[in-house]
Amino acid sequence: MPPSLEDLPIMLAALQSNKEHLSPFLPWLPNVLSEEQLKQSIIEAMDSFEKFEGEQRYSLFNKENGVLVGVIGLIVRDQSVPYFEIGYWLAQDYVGQGYISEAVLALEHYAFTELKAQRIEIKAAQTNLKSRAVPERNGYQLEGVLQKARRLPSGVLDNTVIYAKTRPTRHVVIEDLIVKSSR
């Protein structure tokens, strides 16, 4: 679901109850742990969504019980390419159940088919093995490791891994093409 102020109470509860789980890798987390801070973040996300700039954020809900399980975002990196990045977080109780993989594939399909994306990236801290498992499981190629490219919320310096998928290039091969001209 796109961002909505109606989700503020459940989003706040999910972030607060998953603070310990999420805080090692999400530097923005302390900035959305109060109702006012999160409200401002959701308003900004709604504005970005409407203007199709910045991050296109979606709330992820369990299909069976309607519980908020996480968030995924399609970050607009360069509309002229078009080139996007996918980011996500998931509540601890739902890790390892395929929610993020399913959401990544759905968002990827949307980006490649509707937005005509040429490139989609997923970046993660090299030490965030659970987050790295998602692109690896979904066919993204590890393109590189940026050495000492990020500082974790703990203050520890970490590397950034970059995974990507690109739009398949279709080559038309015409064999034995004979052009006959009639004179």
Protein backbone atom coordinates (compact mmCIF):
# COMPACT_ATOMS: atom_id res chain seq x y z
CA MET A 1 0.00 0.00 0.00
CA PRO A 2 1.23 3.55 -0.72
CA PRO A 3 2.09 5.76 2.28
CA SER A 4 -0.89 6.93 4.32
CA LEU A 5 -1.36 8.81 7.59
CA GLU A 6 -3.96 6.17 8.48
CA ASP A 7 -1.05 3.75 8.95
CA LEU A 8 0.78 6.01 11.42
CA PRO A 9 -0.24 4.16 14.63
CA ILE A 10 0.60 0.70 13.33
CA MET A 11 3.79 1.92 11.64
CA LEU A 12 4.94 3.59 14.85
CA ALA A 13 4.18 0.46 16.88
CA ALA A 14 6.07 -1.71 14.37
CA LEU A 15 9.12 0.56 14.37
CA GLN A 16 9.18 0.89 18.15
CA SER A 17 8.74 -2.83 18.79
CA ASN A 18 11.45 -3.67 16.22
CA LYS A 19 13.90 -0.96 17.28
CA GLU A 20 16.53 -3.41 18.56
CA HIS A 21 16.20 -5.58 15.43
CA LEU A 22 16.37 -2.68 12.95
CA SER A 23 18.77 -0.25 14.62
CA PRO A 24 22.11 -1.96 13.72
CA PHE A 25 21.69 -1.07 10.03
CA LEU A 26 19.12 1.75 9.71
CA PRO A 27 20.63 5.13 10.61
CA TRP A 28 17.31 6.95 10.06
CA LEU A 29 15.44 4.89 12.66
CA PRO A 30 15.96 7.26 15.64
CA ASN A 31 14.43 10.05 13.53
CA VAL A 32 11.02 8.33 13.22
CA LEU A 33 10.43 6.88 16.67
CA SER A 34 8.08 9.60 17.87
CA GLU A 35 4.59 10.15 16.53
CA GLU A 36 5.42 13.66 15.28
CA GLN A 37 8.62 12.54 13.55
CA LEU A 38 6.93 9.61 11.86
CA LYS A 39 3.97 11.77 10.82
CA GLN A 40 6.37 14.17 9.08
CA SER A 41 8.13 11.26 7.39
CA ILE A 42 4.83 9.85 6.11
CA ILE A 43 3.73 13.27 4.82
CA GLU A 44 7.04 13.60 2.95
CA ALA A 45 6.64 10.06 1.58
CA MET A 46 3.10 10.86 0.40
CA ASP A 47 4.38 14.00 -1.36
CA SER A 48 7.25 12.07 -3.01
CA PHE A 49 4.82 9.35 -4.07
CA GLU A 50 2.47 11.88 -5.67
CA LYS A 51 5.29 13.69 -7.49
CA PHE A 52 7.13 10.46 -8.38
CA GLU A 53 10.44 11.64 -6.98
CA GLY A 54 12.68 10.53 -4.16
CA GLU A 55 11.33 7.29 -2.74
CA GLN A 56 8.15 5.50 -3.74
CA ARG A 57 7.39 3.87 -0.39
CA TYR A 58 4.97 0.97 0.11
CA SER A 59 3.75 -0.57 3.36
CA LEU A 60 3.74 -4.37 3.35
CA PHE A 61 0.88 -6.19 5.03
CA ASN A 62 0.39 -9.86 5.80
CA LYS A 63 -2.28 -11.09 3.33
CA GLU A 64 -3.91 -13.35 5.90
CA ASN A 65 -4.25 -11.09 8.93
CA GLY A 66 -3.58 -7.56 7.68
CA VAL A 67 -0.63 -6.99 10.06
CA LEU A 68 2.05 -4.54 8.92
CA VAL A 69 5.19 -6.62 8.32
CA GLY A 70 7.53 -4.03 6.82
CA VAL A 71 8.15 -1.40 4.19
CA ILE A 72 9.73 -1.44 0.74
CA GLY A 73 10.74 1.55 -1.33
CA LEU A 74 11.62 2.19 -4.93
CA ILE A 75 14.13 5.03 -4.86
CA VAL A 76 14.23 7.12 -8.02
CA ARG A 77 17.93 7.52 -8.81
CA ASP A 78 17.80 8.85 -12.38
CA GLN A 79 14.56 9.16 -14.34
CA SER A 80 16.44 9.85 -17.58
CA VAL A 81 17.93 6.33 -17.60
CA PRO A 82 15.52 5.18 -15.83
CA TYR A 83 17.46 3.79 -12.88
CA PHE A 84 16.10 2.82 -9.44
CA GLU A 85 17.20 1.40 -6.12
CA ILE A 86 15.15 -0.85 -3.86
CA GLY A 87 15.35 -0.52 -0.09
CA TYR A 88 13.40 -2.39 2.59
CA TRP A 89 12.95 -3.28 6.24
CA LEU A 90 11.01 -6.11 7.81
CA ALA A 91 9.66 -6.75 11.30
CA GLN A 92 11.68 -9.41 13.10
CA ASP A 93 8.74 -11.83 13.44
CA TYR A 94 8.47 -12.04 9.64
CA VAL A 95 12.13 -12.47 8.68
CA GLY A 96 12.83 -15.58 6.63
CA GLN A 97 9.26 -16.10 5.43
CA GLY A 98 9.63 -14.67 1.91
CA TYR A 99 7.82 -11.36 2.41
CA ILE A 100 10.67 -9.16 1.21
CA SER A 101 11.60 -11.49 -1.65
CA GLU A 102 8.00 -11.43 -2.86
CA ALA A 103 7.83 -7.65 -2.52
CA VAL A 104 11.18 -7.16 -4.32
CA LEU A 105 10.01 -9.28 -7.24
CA ALA A 106 6.70 -7.41 -7.47
CA LEU A 107 8.41 -4.00 -7.33
CA GLU A 108 11.04 -5.15 -9.82
CA HIS A 109 8.32 -6.33 -12.22
CA TYR A 110 6.56 -2.95 -11.90
CA ALA A 111 9.81 -1.05 -12.49
CA PHE A 112 10.83 -3.06 -15.55
CA THR A 113 7.40 -3.28 -17.19
CA GLU A 114 5.63 -0.04 -16.25
CA LEU A 115 8.53 2.33 -15.61
CA LYS A 116 10.78 0.84 -18.30
CA ALA A 117 13.66 0.66 -15.83
CA GLN A 118 17.05 -0.08 -17.32
CA ARG A 119 18.71 -0.76 -13.97
CA ILE A 120 17.64 -1.69 -10.43
CA GLU A 121 20.08 -1.75 -7.54
CA ILE A 122 19.93 -3.11 -4.02
CA LYS A 123 22.64 -1.84 -1.66
CA ALA A 124 23.40 -3.17 1.80
CA ALA A 125 26.01 -3.09 4.50
CA GLN A 126 28.40 -5.96 3.84
CA THR A 127 27.80 -7.28 7.36
CA ASN A 128 24.00 -7.28 6.95
CA LEU A 129 23.80 -10.90 5.82
CA LYS A 130 19.99 -11.17 6.06
CA SER A 131 19.47 -8.14 3.86
CA ARG A 132 22.09 -9.36 1.39
CA ALA A 133 20.33 -12.73 1.10
CA VAL A 134 17.35 -11.07 -0.62
CA PRO A 135 19.09 -9.91 -3.83
CA GLU A 136 21.20 -13.07 -3.89
CA ARG A 137 18.05 -15.22 -3.69
CA ASN A 138 16.29 -13.15 -6.37
CA GLY A 139 18.92 -13.28 -9.10
CA TYR A 140 20.66 -9.95 -8.59
CA GLN A 141 24.34 -9.86 -9.50
CA LEU A 142 26.91 -8.65 -7.02
CA GLU A 143 28.57 -5.85 -8.95
CA GLY A 144 30.93 -4.55 -6.36
CA VAL A 145 31.99 -3.79 -2.85
CA LEU A 146 32.62 -0.20 -1.88
CA GLN A 147 35.30 -0.37 0.77
CA LYS A 148 34.67 1.62 3.96
CA ALA A 149 31.71 3.39 2.35
CA ARG A 150 29.31 3.56 5.29
CA ARG A 151 29.25 4.07 9.00
CA LEU A 152 26.74 1.92 10.84
CA PRO A 153 24.60 3.49 13.57
CA SER A 154 26.96 1.88 16.11
CA GLY A 155 29.82 3.94 14.69
CA VAL A 156 31.55 0.94 13.10
CA LEU A 157 32.85 1.47 9.56
CA ASP A 158 31.46 -1.06 7.06
CA ASN A 159 31.64 -1.79 3.35
CA THR A 160 28.68 -1.36 1.01
CA VAL A 161 27.75 -4.17 -1.38
CA ILE A 162 25.93 -3.33 -4.61
CA TYR A 163 23.68 -5.84 -6.34
CA ALA A 164 21.93 -5.06 -9.62
CA LYS A 165 19.64 -6.31 -12.33
CA THR A 166 19.43 -4.65 -15.69
CA ARG A 167 16.79 -4.73 -18.37
CA PRO A 168 17.54 -7.59 -20.72
CA THR A 169 18.84 -6.32 -24.04
CA ARG A 170 17.15 -7.90 -27.00
CA HIS A 171 19.31 -8.38 -30.02
CA VAL A 172 17.65 -9.17 -33.30
CA VAL A 173 19.77 -11.43 -35.45
CA ILE A 174 18.77 -11.60 -39.07
CA GLU A 175 20.46 -14.44 -40.84
CA ASP A 176 20.73 -14.76 -44.59
CA LEU A 177 19.05 -11.42 -45.23
CA ILE A 178 18.74 -10.98 -48.94
CA VAL A 179 17.47 -7.80 -50.36
CA LYS A 180 16.18 -8.07 -53.84
CA SER A 181 15.42 -4.99 -55.75
CA SER A 182 13.15 -5.02 -58.66
CA ARG A 183 14.14 -2.77 -61.49
